[in-house]
Amino acid sequence: MSLFDLSGRIALVTGSSRGIGYALARGLADAGATIVLNGVSQSRLAQARAQLREEFGDTRVHAYAFDVTDAERVDDSVARIESEVGPIEILVNNAALQHRQPLLDVTVEDWKRVIDTDLTSAFLVGRAVARFQIGRGSGKIVNVCSVQSDLARPTIAPYTTAKGGLRNLTRAMTAEWAASGLQINGLAPGYIHTGVTQALVDDAQFDSWLRGRAPAGRWGTPDDLVGPAVWLASDASRYVNGQVIFVDGGMTAVV
């Protein structure tokens, strides 16, 4: 099991004050990593840090509030983490938002907001972290994609477009950085039961469709993503590069 041990490694997880990001940060900490939480809400971030510090101790849980779509803030914050906490050996680009509206009605402002948060932020944070990792000759970047990286549904066009772009950004990062010792991969959740998807869970028609569509016959949970994330962040995946691992109950495997 030493291949999966993350002890002594520092992991930055964006958008980790709640939901999937929080679960991934907790899972990496459980595997031994020192984690750096990120978000824009100071209060939510402080609450998440306090909860995880109760479990893993003050020295292994840190939090930095910054906007992942602001290039200057990203560069400054990554440099601060490297100086104040230590080398970021693992990056999980998880920050994302959803906007549900028919494509003909989506405003340019809302389109850009989703693209900036779900795609451009991974470029900005990934680039900032990779500059340090390349200098050290090693590093792990996990981009949280989605089943919507390969599939589409009505009313979520900006999200589908961003997640499809994130899949190929993962490949582009691999093409340029793998020779420097980095492994960059994507983790693609299916429909996961979180606060963000609660309205869909409560929608009887959608819930019935989801259970019938996914071979597993159920919603995923944030904890279902932890094992694959730890694998991608660990030495166990050191020759895995440019791949997108779907954790979707089999949804993308069947017609």
Protein backbone atom coordinates (compact mmCIF):
# COMPACT_ATOMS: atom_id res chain seq x y z
CA MET A 1 0.00 0.00 0.00
CA SER A 2 3.02 2.32 0.12
CA LEU A 3 2.37 3.19 -3.54
CA PHE A 4 -0.75 5.04 -2.40
CA ASP A 5 0.82 6.75 0.61
CA LEU A 6 0.77 10.55 0.35
CA SER A 7 2.51 11.26 3.65
CA GLY A 8 4.63 14.39 3.55
CA ARG A 9 3.15 15.66 0.30
CA ILE A 10 1.31 18.96 -0.06
CA ALA A 11 -1.93 19.03 -2.04
CA LEU A 12 -3.81 22.14 -3.18
CA VAL A 13 -7.48 21.50 -3.94
CA THR A 14 -9.39 24.39 -5.52
CA GLY A 15 -13.04 24.89 -4.67
CA SER A 16 -12.72 22.71 -1.60
CA SER A 17 -14.78 24.43 1.06
CA ARG A 18 -17.70 22.07 0.39
CA GLY A 19 -19.04 19.32 -1.85
CA ILE A 20 -16.76 17.23 -4.05
CA GLY A 21 -13.73 19.42 -3.41
CA TYR A 22 -14.06 19.03 0.34
CA ALA A 23 -14.43 15.25 0.03
CA LEU A 24 -11.35 15.03 -2.19
CA ALA A 25 -9.30 17.18 0.19
CA ARG A 26 -10.36 15.03 3.12
CA GLY A 27 -9.54 11.87 1.19
CA LEU A 28 -6.05 13.11 0.31
CA ALA A 29 -5.49 14.06 3.94
CA ASP A 30 -6.64 10.60 5.03
CA ALA A 31 -3.96 9.18 2.70
CA GLY A 32 -1.36 11.27 4.52
CA ALA A 33 -1.18 14.51 2.55
CA THR A 34 -0.98 18.01 3.97
CA ILE A 35 -3.85 19.84 2.31
CA VAL A 36 -4.41 23.42 1.23
CA LEU A 37 -8.08 24.32 0.91
CA ASN A 38 -9.24 27.04 -1.47
CA GLY A 39 -12.42 29.01 -2.03
CA VAL A 40 -13.75 32.55 -2.29
CA SER A 41 -16.02 32.50 0.77
CA GLN A 42 -13.92 33.23 3.84
CA SER A 43 -16.59 31.91 6.21
CA ARG A 44 -17.11 28.59 4.40
CA LEU A 45 -13.38 28.14 4.02
CA ALA A 46 -12.79 28.78 7.72
CA GLN A 47 -15.50 26.28 8.65
CA ALA A 48 -14.05 23.61 6.37
CA ARG A 49 -10.55 24.18 7.74
CA ALA A 50 -11.79 23.94 11.32
CA GLN A 51 -13.60 20.67 10.61
CA LEU A 52 -10.60 19.05 8.97
CA ARG A 53 -8.17 20.33 11.59
CA GLU A 54 -10.20 18.51 14.24
CA GLU A 55 -9.51 15.30 12.35
CA PHE A 56 -5.99 15.81 10.99
CA GLY A 57 -4.42 18.54 13.13
CA ASP A 58 -3.51 22.17 12.56
CA THR A 59 -0.20 21.59 10.78
CA ARG A 60 -1.72 19.43 8.02
CA VAL A 61 -4.67 21.63 7.05
CA HIS A 62 -4.28 25.11 5.55
CA ALA A 63 -6.64 27.44 3.71
CA TYR A 64 -6.07 30.23 1.18
CA ALA A 65 -8.96 32.30 -0.12
CA PHE A 66 -8.44 33.53 -3.67
CA ASP A 67 -10.35 33.80 -6.92
CA VAL A 68 -9.09 31.10 -9.29
CA THR A 69 -10.20 33.15 -12.31
CA ASP A 70 -7.92 36.09 -11.41
CA ALA A 71 -4.52 35.44 -13.00
CA GLU A 72 -2.62 37.85 -10.78
CA ARG A 73 -4.20 36.54 -7.58
CA VAL A 74 -3.55 32.97 -8.66
CA ASP A 75 0.15 33.56 -9.31
CA ASP A 76 0.55 35.44 -6.03
CA SER A 77 -1.35 32.85 -3.98
CA VAL A 78 0.51 29.86 -5.44
CA ALA A 79 3.82 31.59 -4.70
CA ARG A 80 2.67 32.26 -1.13
CA ILE A 81 1.65 28.63 -0.60
CA GLU A 82 5.01 27.44 -1.92
CA SER A 83 6.79 29.83 0.47
CA GLU A 84 4.58 29.48 3.55
CA VAL A 85 3.41 25.85 3.42
CA GLY A 86 5.86 24.12 1.09
CA PRO A 87 6.11 22.68 -2.40
CA ILE A 88 2.77 21.88 -4.02
CA GLU A 89 3.30 18.32 -5.20
CA ILE A 90 -0.38 17.64 -5.91
CA LEU A 91 -2.90 19.98 -7.51
CA VAL A 92 -6.57 19.14 -7.86
CA ASN A 93 -8.37 21.61 -10.14
CA ASN A 94 -11.89 21.21 -8.82
CA ALA A 95 -13.41 24.73 -8.82
CA ALA A 96 -16.55 24.82 -10.94
CA LEU A 97 -20.09 26.14 -11.20
CA GLN A 98 -23.21 25.26 -13.18
CA HIS A 99 -25.68 27.42 -15.09
CA ARG A 100 -28.92 25.82 -16.30
CA GLN A 101 -30.68 27.66 -19.11
CA PRO A 102 -31.64 26.98 -22.72
CA LEU A 103 -28.71 27.82 -25.00
CA LEU A 104 -30.66 30.45 -26.93
CA ASP A 105 -31.26 32.33 -23.67
CA VAL A 106 -27.74 32.16 -22.18
CA THR A 107 -26.19 35.61 -21.92
CA VAL A 108 -22.60 36.22 -22.92
CA GLU A 109 -21.89 37.21 -19.31
CA ASP A 110 -23.15 33.87 -17.96
CA TRP A 111 -21.32 31.96 -20.71
CA LYS A 112 -18.02 33.63 -19.82
CA ARG A 113 -18.60 33.14 -16.09
CA VAL A 114 -18.92 29.37 -16.50
CA ILE A 115 -16.03 29.07 -18.97
CA ASP A 116 -13.77 31.18 -16.75
CA THR A 117 -14.57 29.21 -13.59
CA ASP A 118 -14.73 25.69 -15.02
CA LEU A 119 -11.98 25.86 -17.66
CA THR A 120 -9.80 28.96 -17.57
CA SER A 121 -9.16 28.58 -13.84
CA ALA A 122 -7.60 25.15 -14.43
CA PHE A 123 -5.27 26.72 -16.98
CA LEU A 124 -4.34 29.56 -14.62
CA VAL A 125 -3.79 27.48 -11.47
CA GLY A 126 -2.28 24.58 -13.41
CA ARG A 127 0.22 26.87 -15.11
CA ALA A 128 1.18 28.59 -11.86
CA VAL A 129 1.74 25.30 -10.04
CA ALA A 130 3.47 23.61 -12.99
CA ARG A 131 6.12 26.32 -13.11
CA PHE A 132 7.29 25.16 -9.69
CA GLN A 133 6.76 21.45 -10.35
CA ILE A 134 8.72 21.50 -13.61
CA GLY A 135 11.64 23.05 -11.79
CA ARG A 136 11.58 20.16 -9.32
CA GLY A 137 11.09 17.50 -12.01
CA SER A 138 7.90 16.01 -10.56
CA GLY A 139 4.27 16.75 -9.80
CA LYS A 140 0.68 15.57 -10.03
CA ILE A 141 -2.21 17.54 -11.51
CA VAL A 142 -5.74 16.15 -11.39
CA ASN A 143 -8.36 18.08 -13.36
CA VAL A 144 -11.91 17.35 -12.23
CA CYS A 145 -13.82 16.86 -15.47
CA SER A 146 -17.30 15.34 -15.81
CA VAL A 147 -19.39 12.88 -17.78
CA GLN A 148 -20.29 16.09 -19.61
CA SER A 149 -16.73 16.10 -20.93
CA ASP A 150 -18.03 13.47 -23.39
CA LEU A 151 -21.81 13.85 -23.24
CA ALA A 152 -24.33 16.67 -23.48
CA ARG A 153 -27.78 17.44 -22.14
CA PRO A 154 -30.15 20.33 -22.82
CA THR A 155 -29.78 23.54 -20.77
CA ILE A 156 -26.15 23.09 -19.65
CA ALA A 157 -24.24 24.10 -22.79
CA PRO A 158 -21.65 26.37 -21.08
CA TYR A 159 -20.81 23.63 -18.55
CA THR A 160 -20.59 20.92 -21.23
CA THR A 161 -18.36 23.13 -23.35
CA ALA A 162 -16.07 23.96 -20.42
CA LYS A 163 -15.74 20.35 -19.29
CA GLY A 164 -15.05 19.17 -22.83
CA GLY A 165 -12.34 21.80 -23.03
CA LEU A 166 -10.93 20.64 -19.69
CA ARG A 167 -10.56 17.13 -21.06
CA ASN A 168 -8.40 18.44 -23.89
CA LEU A 169 -6.54 20.88 -21.63
CA THR A 170 -5.53 17.78 -19.66
CA ARG A 171 -4.09 16.31 -22.85
CA ALA A 172 -2.37 19.58 -23.76
CA MET A 173 -0.74 19.79 -20.33
CA THR A 174 0.46 16.21 -20.75
CA ALA A 175 1.89 16.93 -24.19
CA GLU A 176 3.96 19.82 -22.83
CA TRP A 177 4.81 18.82 -19.26
CA ALA A 178 5.04 15.01 -19.06
CA ALA A 179 8.67 15.03 -20.20
CA SER A 180 9.45 17.20 -17.16
CA GLY A 181 8.21 14.51 -14.77
CA LEU A 182 4.60 15.61 -14.31
CA GLN A 183 1.51 13.39 -14.53
CA ILE A 184 -1.64 15.22 -15.53
CA ASN A 185 -4.93 13.34 -15.62
CA GLY A 186 -8.64 13.98 -15.40
CA LEU A 187 -11.19 12.62 -12.94
CA ALA A 188 -14.68 12.61 -14.47
CA PRO A 189 -17.53 12.20 -11.98
CA GLY A 190 -20.94 11.08 -13.07
CA TYR A 191 -24.03 12.40 -11.30
CA ILE A 192 -22.94 12.87 -7.70
CA HIS A 193 -25.36 13.58 -4.85
CA THR A 194 -24.23 16.88 -3.32
CA GLY A 195 -25.89 20.09 -2.25
CA VAL A 196 -25.46 21.38 -5.80
CA THR A 197 -27.43 18.47 -7.29
CA GLN A 198 -30.02 18.17 -4.50
CA ALA A 199 -32.73 19.72 -6.66
CA LEU A 200 -32.15 17.00 -9.28
CA VAL A 201 -32.20 14.30 -6.61
CA ASP A 202 -35.53 15.66 -5.39
CA ASP A 203 -36.95 15.71 -8.93
CA ALA A 204 -38.73 12.34 -9.12
CA GLN A 205 -38.65 12.22 -12.93
CA PHE A 206 -34.93 13.02 -13.15
CA ASP A 207 -34.08 10.69 -10.27
CA SER A 208 -35.91 7.84 -12.01
CA TRP A 209 -34.14 8.60 -15.31
CA LEU A 210 -30.72 8.66 -13.62
CA ARG A 211 -31.25 5.36 -11.82
CA GLY A 212 -32.36 3.75 -15.06
CA ARG A 213 -29.60 5.31 -17.16
CA ALA A 214 -26.61 4.41 -14.96
CA PRO A 215 -25.88 0.66 -14.88
CA ALA A 216 -25.01 0.99 -11.18
CA GLY A 217 -28.60 2.05 -10.58
CA ARG A 218 -27.80 4.82 -8.13
CA TRP A 219 -26.40 8.29 -7.64
CA GLY A 220 -22.71 8.56 -6.90
CA THR A 221 -21.40 10.04 -3.67
CA PRO A 222 -18.38 12.30 -3.15
CA ASP A 223 -16.65 9.44 -1.33
CA ASP A 224 -16.87 7.34 -4.52
CA LEU A 225 -14.34 9.75 -6.04
CA VAL A 226 -11.75 9.56 -3.26
CA GLY A 227 -10.08 6.28 -4.22
CA PRO A 228 -9.51 7.25 -7.86
CA ALA A 229 -8.27 10.70 -6.78
CA VAL A 230 -5.75 9.20 -4.33
CA TRP A 231 -4.58 6.81 -7.05
CA LEU A 232 -4.04 9.65 -9.54
CA ALA A 233 -2.24 11.72 -6.89
CA SER A 234 0.05 8.88 -5.81
CA ASP A 235 3.06 6.97 -7.12
CA ALA A 236 0.69 4.16 -8.10
CA SER A 237 -0.23 6.12 -11.26
CA ARG A 238 3.26 7.33 -12.18
CA TYR A 239 2.99 6.07 -15.80
CA VAL A 240 -0.60 7.22 -16.29
CA ASN A 241 -0.71 10.47 -18.24
CA GLY A 242 -3.28 12.44 -20.20
CA GLN A 243 -6.14 10.12 -19.25
CA VAL A 244 -9.65 10.95 -18.09
CA ILE A 245 -10.95 8.42 -15.56
CA PHE A 246 -14.75 8.23 -15.56
CA VAL A 247 -16.34 7.50 -12.18
CA ASP A 248 -19.95 7.40 -13.31
CA GLY A 249 -21.50 4.06 -12.40
CA GLY A 250 -21.00 2.91 -15.99
CA MET A 251 -23.07 5.67 -17.58
CA THR A 252 -20.63 6.44 -20.42
CA ALA A 253 -20.04 2.74 -21.13
CA VAL A 254 -23.53 1.88 -22.33
CA VAL A 255 -26.06 3.05 -24.91
